[in-house]
Each structure stands twice: as C-alpha cells, then as structure tokens.
Amino acid sequence: MKNSEILELSTEELAARLSEEKTTLTKLKFAHAVSAIENPTRITKVRKDIARLNTEITKRKAASASN
C-alpha cells in the first residue's frame, strides 16, 4: 500500500484497514510457523503497511488535538 493511497482514506477506513492488516499478519505468521510460506517477504511488507497506517492515524490525532 502506497502512502498516497493511505492519505486518501478517511480515519474510519484507516482503522478498518489497520484491523485487516493485523489479521493478515497473524495469519501469515501462523502459516509460516506451520510450514514455510511461498513468499516470506510478504510478512515484512504487511508489517510496514501496519506501521504506515499507525503513523497516519497518529498524525491525524495530533492534528485534531492541536486544533
């Protein structure tokens, strides 16, 4: 997920997407623990997406608090 895509989402959509990504990460970790997944770098990409989403949510909360 690109930063430009994240900026276009509303705060509610960000929260929903964050929840989806966390679920995906949990499933990927479990699948990788049971047997090696085809593309283990996908775990890293999902983790980075979660970090990007959290960063944007934090920015928006800080911006609304300062206003």
N, C-alpha and C. Protein backbone atom coordinates (compact mmCIF):
# COMPACT_ATOMS: atom_id res chain seq x y z
N MET A 1 0.85 -1.17 0.00
CA MET A 1 0.00 0.00 0.00
C MET A 1 0.90 1.24 0.00
N LYS A 2 0.60 2.14 -0.90
CA LYS A 2 1.41 3.35 -1.04
C LYS A 2 0.91 4.42 -0.08
N ASN A 3 1.80 5.37 0.24
CA ASN A 3 1.42 6.46 1.13
C ASN A 3 0.31 7.31 0.52
N SER A 4 0.32 7.48 -0.79
CA SER A 4 -0.72 8.26 -1.44
C SER A 4 -2.08 7.60 -1.26
N GLU A 5 -2.12 6.27 -1.28
CA GLU A 5 -3.37 5.56 -1.05
C GLU A 5 -3.84 5.73 0.39
N ILE A 6 -2.90 5.73 1.31
CA ILE A 6 -3.24 5.89 2.73
C ILE A 6 -3.80 7.27 2.99
N LEU A 7 -3.23 8.29 2.37
CA LEU A 7 -3.68 9.66 2.59
C LEU A 7 -5.10 9.88 2.09
N GLU A 8 -5.52 9.11 1.10
CA GLU A 8 -6.86 9.26 0.53
C GLU A 8 -7.94 8.64 1.42
N LEU A 9 -7.57 7.77 2.34
CA LEU A 9 -8.54 7.09 3.18
C LEU A 9 -9.02 7.99 4.32
N SER A 10 -10.27 7.79 4.72
CA SER A 10 -10.77 8.52 5.89
C SER A 10 -10.24 7.84 7.15
N THR A 11 -10.43 8.49 8.28
CA THR A 11 -9.93 7.95 9.55
C THR A 11 -10.58 6.61 9.87
N GLU A 12 -11.87 6.49 9.59
CA GLU A 12 -12.58 5.23 9.85
C GLU A 12 -12.05 4.12 8.95
N GLU A 13 -11.79 4.47 7.69
CA GLU A 13 -11.26 3.49 6.74
C GLU A 13 -9.84 3.07 7.15
N LEU A 14 -9.08 4.00 7.69
CA LEU A 14 -7.74 3.67 8.17
C LEU A 14 -7.81 2.65 9.31
N ALA A 15 -8.72 2.88 10.23
CA ALA A 15 -8.86 1.96 11.37
C ALA A 15 -9.29 0.58 10.89
N ALA A 16 -10.20 0.54 9.93
CA ALA A 16 -10.66 -0.75 9.40
C ALA A 16 -9.53 -1.46 8.67
N ARG A 17 -8.78 -0.71 7.89
CA ARG A 17 -7.67 -1.30 7.13
C ARG A 17 -6.59 -1.80 8.08
N LEU A 18 -6.34 -1.06 9.15
CA LEU A 18 -5.36 -1.47 10.15
C LEU A 18 -5.76 -2.81 10.77
N SER A 19 -7.02 -2.93 11.09
CA SER A 19 -7.52 -4.18 11.66
C SER A 19 -7.34 -5.34 10.68
N GLU A 20 -7.66 -5.10 9.42
CA GLU A 20 -7.49 -6.14 8.38
C GLU A 20 -6.04 -6.56 8.25
N GLU A 21 -5.15 -5.58 8.24
CA GLU A 21 -3.72 -5.87 8.07
C GLU A 21 -3.17 -6.65 9.27
N LYS A 22 -3.63 -6.32 10.47
CA LYS A 22 -3.18 -7.05 11.66
C LYS A 22 -3.65 -8.51 11.60
N THR A 23 -4.87 -8.71 11.13
CA THR A 23 -5.38 -10.07 10.97
C THR A 23 -4.57 -10.83 9.93
N THR A 24 -4.26 -10.16 8.83
CA THR A 24 -3.46 -10.78 7.78
C THR A 24 -2.08 -11.17 8.30
N LEU A 25 -1.47 -10.29 9.08
CA LEU A 25 -0.15 -10.57 9.64
C LEU A 25 -0.20 -11.78 10.56
N THR A 26 -1.21 -11.86 11.38
CA THR A 26 -1.35 -13.00 12.28
C THR A 26 -1.48 -14.30 11.50
N LYS A 27 -2.30 -14.28 10.45
CA LYS A 27 -2.48 -15.48 9.63
C LYS A 27 -1.19 -15.87 8.91
N LEU A 28 -0.46 -14.87 8.40
CA LEU A 28 0.80 -15.15 7.72
C LEU A 28 1.83 -15.74 8.67
N LYS A 29 1.91 -15.19 9.87
CA LYS A 29 2.87 -15.71 10.85
C LYS A 29 2.54 -17.16 11.22
N PHE A 30 1.25 -17.43 11.40
CA PHE A 30 0.85 -18.79 11.74
C PHE A 30 1.16 -19.75 10.59
N ALA A 31 0.82 -19.35 9.38
CA ALA A 31 1.09 -20.19 8.22
C ALA A 31 2.58 -20.45 8.05
N HIS A 32 3.38 -19.44 8.34
CA HIS A 32 4.83 -19.58 8.20
C HIS A 32 5.41 -20.49 9.29
N ALA A 33 4.79 -20.46 10.48
CA ALA A 33 5.25 -21.31 11.57
C ALA A 33 4.93 -22.78 11.30
N VAL A 34 3.78 -23.02 10.70
CA VAL A 34 3.36 -24.39 10.41
C VAL A 34 4.19 -24.97 9.28
N SER A 35 4.26 -24.25 8.18
CA SER A 35 5.08 -24.67 7.05
C SER A 35 5.53 -23.41 6.33
N ALA A 36 6.66 -23.48 5.72
CA ALA A 36 7.22 -22.30 5.05
C ALA A 36 6.25 -21.77 4.00
N ILE A 37 5.99 -20.46 4.06
CA ILE A 37 5.12 -19.86 3.05
C ILE A 37 5.93 -19.57 1.80
N GLU A 38 5.23 -19.41 0.70
CA GLU A 38 5.89 -19.25 -0.60
C GLU A 38 6.74 -17.98 -0.65
N ASN A 39 6.22 -16.87 -0.11
CA ASN A 39 6.93 -15.60 -0.18
C ASN A 39 7.02 -14.98 1.22
N PRO A 40 8.06 -15.30 2.00
CA PRO A 40 8.15 -14.78 3.36
C PRO A 40 8.36 -13.27 3.45
N THR A 41 8.76 -12.63 2.35
CA THR A 41 8.92 -11.18 2.40
C THR A 41 7.56 -10.48 2.51
N ARG A 42 6.50 -11.21 2.24
CA ARG A 42 5.15 -10.63 2.38
C ARG A 42 4.88 -10.24 3.84
N ILE A 43 5.44 -11.00 4.78
CA ILE A 43 5.29 -10.67 6.20
C ILE A 43 5.88 -9.29 6.47
N THR A 44 7.05 -9.04 5.92
CA THR A 44 7.71 -7.74 6.11
C THR A 44 6.89 -6.62 5.50
N LYS A 45 6.34 -6.85 4.32
CA LYS A 45 5.53 -5.82 3.66
C LYS A 45 4.28 -5.50 4.48
N VAL A 46 3.65 -6.51 5.04
CA VAL A 46 2.44 -6.29 5.85
C VAL A 46 2.81 -5.52 7.11
N ARG A 47 3.95 -5.86 7.73
CA ARG A 47 4.38 -5.13 8.92
C ARG A 47 4.63 -3.66 8.61
N LYS A 48 5.23 -3.39 7.46
CA LYS A 48 5.49 -2.00 7.08
C LYS A 48 4.19 -1.25 6.79
N ASP A 49 3.23 -1.94 6.19
CA ASP A 49 1.92 -1.31 5.95
C ASP A 49 1.24 -0.96 7.26
N ILE A 50 1.34 -1.85 8.23
CA ILE A 50 0.76 -1.58 9.55
C ILE A 50 1.42 -0.35 10.17
N ALA A 51 2.72 -0.25 10.05
CA ALA A 51 3.44 0.91 10.59
C ALA A 51 3.01 2.19 9.89
N ARG A 52 2.84 2.14 8.56
CA ARG A 52 2.41 3.33 7.82
C ARG A 52 1.00 3.77 8.26
N LEU A 53 0.12 2.79 8.43
CA LEU A 53 -1.24 3.10 8.86
C LEU A 53 -1.24 3.71 10.26
N ASN A 54 -0.46 3.12 11.17
CA ASN A 54 -0.38 3.66 12.53
C ASN A 54 0.18 5.08 12.53
N THR A 55 1.17 5.33 11.70
CA THR A 55 1.76 6.66 11.61
C THR A 55 0.74 7.68 11.15
N GLU A 56 -0.03 7.34 10.13
CA GLU A 56 -1.03 8.28 9.62
C GLU A 56 -2.13 8.53 10.64
N ILE A 57 -2.55 7.50 11.35
CA ILE A 57 -3.57 7.67 12.39
C ILE A 57 -3.05 8.59 13.49
N THR A 58 -1.79 8.40 13.88
CA THR A 58 -1.18 9.25 14.91
C THR A 58 -1.09 10.69 14.44
N LYS A 59 -0.71 10.90 13.18
CA LYS A 59 -0.62 12.26 12.63
C LYS A 59 -1.98 12.94 12.69
N ARG A 60 -3.01 12.22 12.31
CA ARG A 60 -4.35 12.82 12.28
C ARG A 60 -4.85 13.12 13.69
N LYS A 61 -4.54 12.28 14.65
CA LYS A 61 -4.94 12.54 16.03
C LYS A 61 -4.22 13.77 16.57
N ALA A 62 -2.94 13.89 16.25
CA ALA A 62 -2.16 15.05 16.70
C ALA A 62 -2.67 16.32 16.06
N ALA A 63 -3.03 16.25 14.79
CA ALA A 63 -3.54 17.43 14.09
C ALA A 63 -4.89 17.87 14.65
N SER A 64 -5.73 16.91 14.97
CA SER A 64 -7.05 17.27 15.53
C SER A 64 -6.94 17.76 16.97
N ALA A 65 -5.95 17.27 17.69
CA ALA A 65 -5.75 17.71 19.07
C ALA A 65 -5.19 19.13 19.13
N SER A 66 -4.38 19.49 18.15
CA SER A 66 -3.77 20.82 18.16
C SER A 66 -4.75 21.90 17.69
N ASN A 67 -5.82 21.49 17.02
CA ASN A 67 -6.80 22.48 16.54
C ASN A 67 -7.77 22.82 17.58
